[in-house]
C-alpha atoms as a PDB file:
ATOM      1  CA  MET A   1       0.000   0.000   0.000  1.00  0.00           C
ATOM      2  CA  THR A   2       1.689   3.174  -1.208  1.00  0.00           C
ATOM      3  CA  LEU A   3       1.075   6.570   0.374  1.00  0.00           C
ATOM      4  CA  GLN A   4       1.065   9.329  -2.225  1.00  0.00           C
ATOM      5  CA  LEU A   5       1.085  13.088  -1.805  1.00  0.00           C
ATOM      6  CA  ASP A   6       0.543  15.086  -4.984  1.00  0.00           C
ATOM      7  CA  HIS A   7       1.220  18.854  -4.917  1.00  0.00           C
ATOM      8  CA  VAL A   8      -0.099  19.111  -1.373  1.00  0.00           C
ATOM      9  CA  THR A   9      -0.314  22.659   0.021  1.00  0.00           C
ATOM     10  CA  LYS A  10      -1.643  23.924   3.342  1.00  0.00           C
ATOM     11  CA  LYS A  11      -2.258  27.586   4.040  1.00  0.00           C
ATOM     12  CA  PHE A  12      -3.298  29.193   7.306  1.00  0.00           C
ATOM     13  CA  GLY A  13      -4.492  32.611   6.144  1.00  0.00           C
ATOM     14  CA  SER A  14      -1.564  34.199   4.335  1.00  0.00           C
ATOM     15  CA  PHE A  15       0.950  31.754   5.847  1.00  0.00           C
ATOM     16  CA  THR A  16       1.901  28.696   3.770  1.00  0.00           C
ATOM     17  CA  ALA A  17       2.848  25.853   6.135  1.00  0.00           C
ATOM     18  CA  VAL A  18       3.304  23.221   3.404  1.00  0.00           C
ATOM     19  CA  ASP A  19       4.029  24.236  -0.172  1.00  0.00           C
ATOM     20  CA  GLN A  20       3.553  21.939  -3.190  1.00  0.00           C
ATOM     21  CA  LEU A  21       4.727  18.741  -1.499  1.00  0.00           C
ATOM     22  CA  SER A  22       4.793  15.719  -3.804  1.00  0.00           C
ATOM     23  CA  LEU A  23       6.015  12.395  -2.407  1.00  0.00           C
ATOM     24  CA  GLU A  24       5.553   8.689  -2.870  1.00  0.00           C
ATOM     25  CA  ILE A  25       6.113   6.731   0.323  1.00  0.00           C
ATOM     26  CA  PRO A  26       6.714   3.032  -0.448  1.00  0.00           C
ATOM     27  CA  ALA A  27       4.796   0.272   1.296  1.00  0.00           C
ATOM     28  CA  ASN A  28       6.503  -1.719   4.078  1.00  0.00           C
ATOM     29  CA  HIS A  29       9.294   0.826   4.460  1.00  0.00           C
ATOM     30  CA  ILE A  30      10.353   3.269   7.155  1.00  0.00           C
ATOM     31  CA  PHE A  31      10.203   6.782   5.687  1.00  0.00           C
ATOM     32  CA  GLY A  32      11.817   9.686   7.536  1.00  0.00           C
ATOM     33  CA  PHE A  33      10.853  13.351   7.628  1.00  0.00           C
ATOM     34  CA  LEU A  34      13.612  15.795   8.521  1.00  0.00           C
ATOM     35  CA  GLY A  35      13.462  19.516   9.084  1.00  0.00           C
ATOM     36  CA  ALA A  36      13.771  22.142  11.769  1.00  0.00           C
ATOM     37  CA  ASN A  37      10.770  23.180  13.872  1.00  0.00           C
ATOM     38  CA  GLY A  38       8.253  24.922  11.631  1.00  0.00           C
ATOM     39  CA  ALA A  39       9.377  23.058   8.492  1.00  0.00           C
ATOM     40  CA  GLY A  40       5.876  21.596   8.003  1.00  0.00           C
ATOM     41  CA  LYS A  41       6.362  18.006   9.182  1.00  0.00           C
ATOM     42  CA  THR A  42       3.537  17.854  11.747  1.00  0.00           C
ATOM     43  CA  THR A  43       1.151  19.737   9.451  1.00  0.00           C
ATOM     44  CA  THR A  44       1.903  17.148   6.744  1.00  0.00           C
ATOM     45  CA  PHE A  45       1.174  14.305   9.164  1.00  0.00           C
ATOM     46  CA  ARG A  46      -2.143  15.870  10.156  1.00  0.00           C
ATOM     47  CA  MET A  47      -3.164  16.188   6.522  1.00  0.00           C
ATOM     48  CA  ILE A  48      -2.232  12.547   5.841  1.00  0.00           C
ATOM     49  CA  LEU A  49      -4.443  11.561   8.791  1.00  0.00           C
ATOM     50  CA  ASN A  50      -7.274  13.765   7.506  1.00  0.00           C
ATOM     51  CA  LEU A  51      -7.169  15.780  10.744  1.00  0.00           C
ATOM     52  CA  LEU A  52      -6.502  18.842   8.581  1.00  0.00           C
ATOM     53  CA  ASP A  53      -7.829  19.499   5.093  1.00  0.00           C
ATOM     54  CA  GLN A  54      -5.184  20.402   2.561  1.00  0.00           C
ATOM     55  CA  SER A  55      -5.669  23.708   0.720  1.00  0.00           C
ATOM     56  CA  GLN A  56      -4.568  22.106  -2.550  1.00  0.00           C
ATOM     57  CA  GLY A  57      -3.417  18.738  -3.838  1.00  0.00           C
ATOM     58  CA  THR A  58      -4.377  15.148  -3.113  1.00  0.00           C
ATOM     59  CA  ILE A  59      -3.339  12.508  -0.579  1.00  0.00           C
ATOM     60  CA  THR A  60      -4.076   8.848  -1.279  1.00  0.00           C
ATOM     61  CA  TRP A  61      -3.227   5.559   0.337  1.00  0.00           C
ATOM     62  CA  ASN A  62      -3.391   2.546  -1.933  1.00  0.00           C
ATOM     63  CA  GLY A  63      -5.045   4.810  -4.492  1.00  0.00           C
ATOM     64  CA  GLU A  64      -7.866   5.908  -2.183  1.00  0.00           C
ATOM     65  CA  LYS A  65      -8.532   8.959  -0.028  1.00  0.00           C
ATOM     66  CA  ILE A  66      -7.890   8.469   3.674  1.00  0.00           C
ATOM     67  CA  ASP A  67     -11.180   8.952   5.500  1.00  0.00           C
ATOM     68  CA  TYR A  68     -12.913   7.880   8.704  1.00  0.00           C
ATOM     69  CA  ASN A  69     -13.459   4.335   7.361  1.00  0.00           C
ATOM     70  CA  LYS A  70      -9.716   3.764   7.192  1.00  0.00           C
ATOM     71  CA  THR A  71      -8.765   5.026  10.649  1.00  0.00           C
ATOM     72  CA  ASP A  72      -8.737   1.501  12.114  1.00  0.00           C
ATOM     73  CA  GLU A  73      -5.836   0.694   9.771  1.00  0.00           C
ATOM     74  CA  ILE A  74      -3.753   3.688  10.890  1.00  0.00           C
ATOM     75  CA  GLY A  75      -1.761   4.387  14.043  1.00  0.00           C
ATOM     76  CA  TYR A  76      -0.599   7.847  15.104  1.00  0.00           C
ATOM     77  CA  LEU A  77       1.839   8.924  17.796  1.00  0.00           C
ATOM     78  CA  PRO A  78       1.598  12.729  18.028  1.00  0.00           C
ATOM     79  CA  GLU A  79       4.436  14.882  19.265  1.00  0.00           C
ATOM     80  CA  GLU A  80       2.114  16.305  21.941  1.00  0.00           C
ATOM     81  CA  ARG A  81       1.139  13.613  24.404  1.00  0.00           C
ATOM     82  CA  GLY A  82      -2.549  12.825  24.792  1.00  0.00           C
ATOM     83  CA  LEU A  83      -2.969  10.254  27.570  1.00  0.00           C
ATOM     84  CA  TYR A  84      -5.324  10.760  30.507  1.00  0.00           C
ATOM     85  CA  PRO A  85      -3.024  11.107  33.539  1.00  0.00           C
ATOM     86  CA  LYS A  86      -5.544   9.941  36.144  1.00  0.00           C
ATOM     87  CA  GLN A  87      -6.524   6.747  34.344  1.00  0.00           C
ATOM     88  CA  LYS A  88      -4.768   3.420  34.661  1.00  0.00           C
ATOM     89  CA  VAL A  89      -2.769   2.152  31.704  1.00  0.00           C
ATOM     90  CA  LYS A  90      -4.967  -0.942  31.328  1.00  0.00           C
ATOM     91  CA  GLU A  91      -8.279   0.969  31.357  1.00  0.00           C
ATOM     92  CA  GLN A  92      -7.062   3.548  28.903  1.00  0.00           C
ATOM     93  CA  LEU A  93      -5.405   1.324  26.335  1.00  0.00           C
ATOM     94  CA  VAL A  94      -8.043  -1.388  26.326  1.00  0.00           C
ATOM     95  CA  TYR A  95     -10.603   1.363  25.698  1.00  0.00           C
ATOM     96  CA  LEU A  96      -8.511   2.774  22.832  1.00  0.00           C
ATOM     97  CA  GLY A  97      -8.128  -0.740  21.401  1.00  0.00           C
ATOM     98  CA  LYS A  98     -11.906  -1.224  21.480  1.00  0.00           C
ATOM     99  CA  LEU A  99     -12.352   2.084  19.665  1.00  0.00           C
ATOM    100  CA  ARG A 100     -10.163   0.571  16.922  1.00  0.00           C
ATOM    101  CA  GLY A 101     -12.504  -2.417  16.597  1.00  0.00           C
ATOM    102  CA  MET A 102     -10.719  -4.847  18.944  1.00  0.00           C
ATOM    103  CA  THR A 103     -12.430  -7.060  21.495  1.00  0.00           C
ATOM    104  CA  LYS A 104     -11.604  -6.404  25.137  1.00  0.00           C
ATOM    105  CA  LYS A 105      -9.656  -9.700  25.330  1.00  0.00           C
ATOM    106  CA  ASP A 106      -7.653  -9.012  22.165  1.00  0.00           C
ATOM    107  CA  ALA A 107      -6.825  -5.493  23.340  1.00  0.00           C
ATOM    108  CA  LEU A 108      -5.707  -6.746  26.768  1.00  0.00           C
ATOM    109  CA  ASP A 109      -3.621  -9.539  25.194  1.00  0.00           C
ATOM    110  CA  ALA A 110      -1.970  -7.070  22.802  1.00  0.00           C
ATOM    111  CA  LEU A 111      -1.333  -4.584  25.621  1.00  0.00           C
ATOM    112  CA  THR A 112       0.229  -7.249  27.863  1.00  0.00           C
ATOM    113  CA  SER A 113       2.429  -8.407  24.996  1.00  0.00           C
ATOM    114  CA  TRP A 114       3.600  -4.858  24.212  1.00  0.00           C
ATOM    115  CA  LEU A 115       4.301  -4.041  27.869  1.00  0.00           C
ATOM    116  CA  ASP A 116       6.531  -7.138  27.988  1.00  0.00           C
ATOM    117  CA  ARG A 117       8.154  -6.181  24.678  1.00  0.00           C
ATOM    118  CA  LEU A 118       8.997  -2.688  25.988  1.00  0.00           C
ATOM    119  CA  LYS A 119      10.156  -4.108  29.346  1.00  0.00           C
ATOM    120  CA  VAL A 120       7.477  -2.445  31.495  1.00  0.00           C
ATOM    121  CA  PRO A 121       5.027  -5.308  32.352  1.00  0.00           C
ATOM    122  CA  HIS A 122       4.459  -3.948  35.881  1.00  0.00           C
ATOM    123  CA  TYR A 123       2.789  -0.774  34.548  1.00  0.00           C
ATOM    124  CA  LEU A 124      -0.485  -2.476  33.591  1.00  0.00           C
ATOM    125  CA  ASP A 125      -2.360  -1.206  36.654  1.00  0.00           C
ATOM    126  CA  LYS A 126      -0.443   2.042  37.151  1.00  0.00           C
ATOM    127  CA  LYS A 127      -1.937   5.460  36.570  1.00  0.00           C
ATOM    128  CA  VAL A 128      -0.258   7.319  33.711  1.00  0.00           C
ATOM    129  CA  GLU A 129       0.696  10.227  36.016  1.00  0.00           C
ATOM    130  CA  GLU A 130       2.722   7.800  38.158  1.00  0.00           C
ATOM    131  CA  LEU A 131       5.070   7.057  35.256  1.00  0.00           C
ATOM    132  CA  SER A 132       8.176   8.949  34.178  1.00  0.00           C
ATOM    133  CA  LYS A 133       8.046  10.985  30.990  1.00  0.00           C
ATOM    134  CA  GLY A 134       9.965   8.295  29.119  1.00  0.00           C
ATOM    135  CA  ASN A 135       7.646   5.514  30.266  1.00  0.00           C
ATOM    136  CA  GLN A 136       4.583   7.614  29.429  1.00  0.00           C
ATOM    137  CA  GLN A 137       6.091   7.807  25.949  1.00  0.00           C
ATOM    138  CA  LYS A 138       6.214   4.011  25.790  1.00  0.00           C
ATOM    139  CA  ILE A 139       2.532   3.782  26.753  1.00  0.00           C
ATOM    140  CA  GLN A 140       1.661   6.421  24.158  1.00  0.00           C
ATOM    141  CA  PHE A 141       3.549   4.362  21.576  1.00  0.00           C
ATOM    142  CA  ILE A 142       1.578   1.238  22.517  1.00  0.00           C
ATOM    143  CA  SER A 143      -1.662   3.205  22.063  1.00  0.00           C
ATOM    144  CA  ALA A 144      -0.591   3.881  18.442  1.00  0.00           C
ATOM    145  CA  VAL A 145       0.267   0.254  17.630  1.00  0.00           C
ATOM    146  CA  ILE A 146      -2.049  -1.850  19.813  1.00  0.00           C
ATOM    147  CA  HIS A 147      -4.432  -2.519  16.892  1.00  0.00           C
ATOM    148  CA  ASN A 148      -1.597  -3.603  14.550  1.00  0.00           C
ATOM    149  CA  PRO A 149      -2.002  -0.765  12.023  1.00  0.00           C
ATOM    150  CA  LYS A 150      -0.994  -1.052   8.370  1.00  0.00           C
ATOM    151  CA  LEU A 151       0.165   2.574   8.339  1.00  0.00           C
ATOM    152  CA  LEU A 152       1.947   4.040  11.362  1.00  0.00           C
ATOM    153  CA  ILE A 153       2.826   7.733  11.728  1.00  0.00           C
ATOM    154  CA  LEU A 154       5.292   8.614  14.478  1.00  0.00           C
ATOM    155  CA  ASP A 155       5.988  12.269  15.279  1.00  0.00           C
ATOM    156  CA  GLU A 156       9.207  12.474  17.342  1.00  0.00           C
ATOM    157  CA  PRO A 157       8.763   8.954  18.769  1.00  0.00           C
ATOM    158  CA  PHE A 158      12.038   8.880  20.731  1.00  0.00           C
ATOM    159  CA  SER A 159      11.744  12.192  22.579  1.00  0.00           C
ATOM    160  CA  GLY A 160      12.083  11.901  26.340  1.00  0.00           C
ATOM    161  CA  LEU A 161      13.740   8.487  26.182  1.00  0.00           C
ATOM    162  CA  ASP A 162      17.157   7.582  27.534  1.00  0.00           C
ATOM    163  CA  PRO A 163      19.600   5.790  25.170  1.00  0.00           C
ATOM    164  CA  VAL A 164      18.680   2.288  26.401  1.00  0.00           C
ATOM    165  CA  ASN A 165      14.966   2.865  25.811  1.00  0.00           C
ATOM    166  CA  VAL A 166      15.622   4.510  22.455  1.00  0.00           C
ATOM    167  CA  GLU A 167      17.223   1.236  21.355  1.00  0.00           C
ATOM    168  CA  ILE A 168      14.248  -0.780  22.663  1.00  0.00           C
ATOM    169  CA  MET A 169      11.833   1.460  20.741  1.00  0.00           C
ATOM    170  CA  LYS A 170      13.931   1.382  17.568  1.00  0.00           C
ATOM    171  CA  GLU A 171      13.901  -2.411  17.655  1.00  0.00           C
ATOM    172  CA  ALA A 172      10.111  -2.356  18.036  1.00  0.00           C
ATOM    173  CA  VAL A 173       9.732  -0.001  15.053  1.00  0.00           C
ATOM    174  CA  VAL A 174      11.937  -2.206  12.848  1.00  0.00           C
ATOM    175  CA  GLU A 175       9.996  -5.285  13.959  1.00  0.00           C
ATOM    176  CA  LEU A 176       6.700  -3.645  12.944  1.00  0.00           C
ATOM    177  CA  LYS A 177       8.162  -2.807   9.540  1.00  0.00           C
ATOM    178  CA  GLU A 178       9.292  -6.397   9.054  1.00  0.00           C
ATOM    179  CA  GLN A 179       5.772  -7.563   9.894  1.00  0.00           C
ATOM    180  CA  GLY A 180       4.373  -5.424   7.058  1.00  0.00           C
ATOM    181  CA  THR A 181       3.572  -2.034   8.596  1.00  0.00           C
ATOM    182  CA  SER A 182       4.407   1.078   6.565  1.00  0.00           C
ATOM    183  CA  ILE A 183       5.987   3.625   8.912  1.00  0.00           C
ATOM    184  CA  VAL A 184       6.434   7.373   8.491  1.00  0.00           C
ATOM    185  CA  PHE A 185       8.300   9.214  11.200  1.00  0.00           C
ATOM    186  CA  SER A 186       9.994  12.477  12.049  1.00  0.00           C
ATOM    187  CA  SER A 187      12.919  12.908  14.377  1.00  0.00           C
ATOM    188  CA  HIS A 188      15.167  15.715  15.564  1.00  0.00           C
ATOM    189  CA  ARG A 189      17.968  13.171  15.548  1.00  0.00           C
ATOM    190  CA  MET A 190      19.411  12.723  12.091  1.00  0.00           C
ATOM    191  CA  ASP A 191      21.335   9.647  13.212  1.00  0.00           C
ATOM    192  CA  HIS A 192      18.014   7.923  14.001  1.00  0.00           C
ATOM    193  CA  VAL A 193      16.709   8.680  10.522  1.00  0.00           C
ATOM    194  CA  GLU A 194      20.013   7.564   9.009  1.00  0.00           C
ATOM    195  CA  GLU A 195      19.899   4.279  10.895  1.00  0.00           C
ATOM    196  CA  LEU A 196      16.238   3.384  10.356  1.00  0.00           C
ATOM    197  CA  CYS A 197      15.094   4.855   7.054  1.00  0.00           C
ATOM    198  CA  GLU A 198      15.489   3.671   3.501  1.00  0.00           C
ATOM    199  CA  HIS A 199      13.738   6.755   2.139  1.00  0.00           C
ATOM    200  CA  LEU A 200      13.467  10.295   3.472  1.00  0.00           C
ATOM    201  CA  CYS A 201      12.310  13.824   2.814  1.00  0.00           C
ATOM    202  CA  MET A 202      14.138  16.935   4.033  1.00  0.00           C
ATOM    203  CA  MET A 203      11.821  19.920   4.452  1.00  0.00           C
ATOM    204  CA  GLN A 204      12.543  23.605   4.896  1.00  0.00           C
ATOM    205  CA  HIS A 205       9.880  26.303   5.237  1.00  0.00           C
ATOM    206  CA  GLY A 206       7.179  23.905   4.055  1.00  0.00           C
ATOM    207  CA  ARG A 207       8.977  22.801   0.902  1.00  0.00           C
ATOM    208  CA  PRO A 208      10.889  19.596   0.186  1.00  0.00           C
ATOM    209  CA  ILE A 209      14.535  20.422  -0.462  1.00  0.00           C
ATOM    210  CA  LEU A 210      15.590  16.801  -0.909  1.00  0.00           C
ATOM    211  CA  HIS A 211      13.807  13.486  -1.008  1.00  0.00           C
ATOM    212  CA  GLY A 212      14.366   9.958  -2.202  1.00  0.00           C
ATOM    213  CA  ASP A 213      16.348   6.826  -1.411  1.00  0.00           C
ATOM    214  CA  LEU A 214      18.893   7.466   1.358  1.00  0.00           C
ATOM    215  CA  ARG A 215      21.725   5.626  -0.388  1.00  0.00           C
ATOM    216  CA  GLU A 216      21.088   7.471  -3.642  1.00  0.00           C
ATOM    217  CA  ILE A 217      20.988  10.825  -1.824  1.00  0.00           C
ATOM    218  CA  LYS A 218      24.384  10.133  -0.253  1.00  0.00           C
ATOM    219  CA  ARG A 219      25.847   8.854  -3.506  1.00  0.00           C
ATOM    220  CA  SER A 220      24.621  11.790  -5.580  1.00  0.00           C
ATOM    221  CA  PHE A 221      25.872  14.330  -3.020  1.00  0.00           C
ATOM    222  CA  GLY A 222      29.374  13.494  -4.223  1.00  0.00           C
ATOM    223  CA  LYS A 223      31.358  15.005  -1.380  1.00  0.00           C
ATOM    224  CA  LYS A 224      32.941  12.659   1.133  1.00  0.00           C
ATOM    225  CA  ASN A 225      34.298  12.950   4.651  1.00  0.00           C
ATOM    226  CA  LEU A 226      37.937  12.146   5.286  1.00  0.00           C
ATOM    227  CA  SER A 227      39.227  11.664   8.822  1.00  0.00           C
ATOM    228  CA  ILE A 228      42.982  11.848   9.429  1.00  0.00           C
ATOM    229  CA  GLN A 229      44.896  11.333  12.671  1.00  0.00           C
ATOM    230  CA  ALA A 230      48.671  11.707  12.742  1.00  0.00           C
ATOM    231  CA  ASP A 231      51.621  12.539  14.966  1.00  0.00           C
ATOM    232  CA  PHE A 232      52.539  15.597  12.881  1.00  0.00           C
ATOM    233  CA  ASP A 233      50.997  18.949  12.010  1.00  0.00           C
ATOM    234  CA  LEU A 234      48.072  18.534   9.589  1.00  0.00           C
ATOM    235  CA  SER A 235      47.224  22.217   9.095  1.00  0.00           C
ATOM    236  CA  PHE A 236      48.602  22.110   5.520  1.00  0.00           C
ATOM    237  CA  VAL A 237      45.750  19.777   4.485  1.00  0.00           C
ATOM    238  CA  GLU A 238      43.197  22.601   4.164  1.00  0.00           C
ATOM    239  CA  GLN A 239      45.320  24.148   1.370  1.00  0.00           C
ATOM    240  CA  LEU A 240      45.261  21.008  -0.769  1.00  0.00           C
ATOM    241  CA  PRO A 241      43.149  20.920  -3.980  1.00  0.00           C
ATOM    242  CA  GLY A 242      39.691  19.383  -3.562  1.00  0.00           C
ATOM    243  CA  VAL A 243      39.422  20.044   0.198  1.00  0.00           C
ATOM    244  CA  VAL A 244      36.142  21.918   0.737  1.00  0.00           C
ATOM    245  CA  GLN A 245      36.366  22.483   4.482  1.00  0.00           C
ATOM    246  CA  THR A 246      38.272  21.268   7.515  1.00  0.00           C
ATOM    247  CA  LYS A 247      37.548  20.845  11.197  1.00  0.00           C
ATOM    248  CA  TYR A 248      40.479  20.351  13.551  1.00  0.00           C
ATOM    249  CA  TYR A 249      40.519  18.238  16.691  1.00  0.00           C
ATOM    250  CA  THR A 250      43.276  17.679  19.249  1.00  0.00           C
ATOM    251  CA  ASP A 251      44.258  14.411  17.568  1.00  0.00           C
ATOM    252  CA  GLY A 252      43.564  15.123  13.918  1.00  0.00           C
ATOM    253  CA  VAL A 253      41.394  16.710  11.255  1.00  0.00           C
ATOM    254  CA  LEU A 254      38.049  15.980   9.587  1.00  0.00           C
ATOM    255  CA  CYS A 255      37.906  17.158   5.975  1.00  0.00           C
ATOM    256  CA  GLN A 256      35.032  17.419   3.571  1.00  0.00           C
ATOM    257  CA  ILE A 257      36.430  16.654   0.126  1.00  0.00           C
ATOM    258  CA  GLU A 258      34.968  16.989  -3.368  1.00  0.00           C
ATOM    259  CA  ASN A 259      35.124  13.291  -4.262  1.00  0.00           C
ATOM    260  CA  GLU A 260      36.848   9.983  -3.516  1.00  0.00           C
ATOM    261  CA  GLU A 261      39.752  10.695  -5.886  1.00  0.00           C
ATOM    262  CA  VAL A 262      40.835  13.673  -3.774  1.00  0.00           C
ATOM    263  CA  SER A 263      41.544  11.307  -0.874  1.00  0.00           C
ATOM    264  CA  GLN A 264      44.240   9.564  -2.902  1.00  0.00           C
ATOM    265  CA  SER A 265      46.146  12.778  -3.610  1.00  0.00           C
ATOM    266  CA  ILE A 266      45.864  13.742   0.084  1.00  0.00           C
ATOM    267  CA  LEU A 267      47.230  10.322   1.064  1.00  0.00           C
ATOM    268  CA  GLN A 268      50.280  10.913  -1.118  1.00  0.00           C
ATOM    269  CA  GLU A 269      50.842  14.286   0.572  1.00  0.00           C
ATOM    270  CA  VAL A 270      50.675  12.958   4.150  1.00  0.00           C
ATOM    271  CA  GLN A 271      52.736   9.798   3.606  1.00  0.00           C
ATOM    272  CA  GLY A 272      56.347  10.089   4.697  1.00  0.00           C
ATOM    273  CA  LYS A 273      55.732  13.057   6.990  1.00  0.00           C
ATOM    274  CA  GLY A 274      55.480  10.988  10.145  1.00  0.00           C
ATOM    275  CA  PHE A 275      53.347   8.370  11.887  1.00  0.00           C
ATOM    276  CA  LEU A 276      49.833   8.134  10.378  1.00  0.00           C
ATOM    277  CA  ARG A 277      47.345   6.766  12.904  1.00  0.00           C
ATOM    278  CA  LYS A 278      44.154   6.947  10.887  1.00  0.00           C
ATOM    279  CA  PHE A 279      43.140   7.695   7.315  1.00  0.00           C
ATOM    280  CA  GLU A 280      39.440   6.922   6.826  1.00  0.00           C
ATOM    281  CA  LEU A 281      37.014   7.853   4.051  1.00  0.00           C
ATOM    282  CA  ASP A 282      33.294   8.010   4.934  1.00  0.00           C
ATOM    283  CA  GLU A 283      30.002   8.838   3.297  1.00  0.00           C
ATOM    284  CA  PRO A 284      28.688  12.303   4.183  1.00  0.00           C
ATOM    285  CA  SER A 285      26.322  12.454   7.131  1.00  0.00           C
ATOM    286  CA  LEU A 286      22.737  13.605   6.718  1.00  0.00           C
ATOM    287  CA  ASN A 287      23.679  16.675   8.728  1.00  0.00           C
ATOM    288  CA  ASP A 288      26.386  17.529   6.170  1.00  0.00           C
ATOM    289  CA  ILE A 289      23.855  17.203   3.355  1.00  0.00           C
ATOM    290  CA  PHE A 290      21.201  19.220   5.186  1.00  0.00           C
ATOM    291  CA  ILE A 291      23.589  22.098   5.861  1.00  0.00           C
ATOM    292  CA  ASP A 292      24.691  22.049   2.221  1.00  0.00           C
ATOM    293  CA  LYS A 293      21.138  21.998   0.861  1.00  0.00           C
ATOM    294  CA  ALA A 294      19.406  24.209   3.429  1.00  0.00           C
ATOM    295  CA  GLY A 295      22.255  26.624   4.073  1.00  0.00           C
ATOM    296  CA  GLU A 296      21.711  26.261   7.818  1.00  0.00           C
ATOM    297  CA  SER A 297      22.276  23.882  10.673  1.00  0.00           C
ATOM    298  CA  TYR A 298      19.458  21.443  11.409  1.00  0.00           C
ATOM    299  CA  GLU A 299      18.686  22.542  14.956  1.00  0.00           C
END
């Protein structure tokens, strides 16, 4: 089931929040949205979910408009949390499962299974307000997936989680994808998008500035990162042809270079000058690409 956005625009009065966004999000993939606050990611999600009407353009899933009849097939984790703090986890999530067409038993079984999966089985009878922010986030996540949706939209799913729980949640997201769920998510952490997503869209001021297959994006960017560590002064490297920029550290230098070939000429220059600890060529990071395309840092 492919999610398609065709020239989607959303205006609030004279302000254009999303501007002519056209995307095809493949089925059974994890698709990442990147962009600073105000880039239009959440507005896009709300239009996909039919919570907001687009001003122009069309949004279809499997060739059909997303409407109320399809909500049982969709899960949504909003950036703003929406759990009832005074209610117990069991009462709240079983109720939400029943709203999605589940029986009480199926909802309770699914909830118990997910609590085990996320390593919080003892929270079944706890009130939401008794949980830490990170564990509330886990419960909110379960509320989005309890009914086994075919399309899952996650808006900043890892916020408020410590590194251990981020890994637990990432594993759960990948597992859902492998079971056939199509997942669209945004994150402030580019490394999360880089690790999880096969396809992505970078947005700036409501417009897509880059989208497509992650590997193709990195390949077509051309520039590479070259990390050098040595027991001699490396300041001469920034003067060499093909070196775009340099960043110095106490034990070496990180260079952005025009292409792979440049690394070979740099290697010839540094050899014989002393002990070379490290000479490593890497793909550019998403942050490198974003800064190049957007002309600004991500945060």
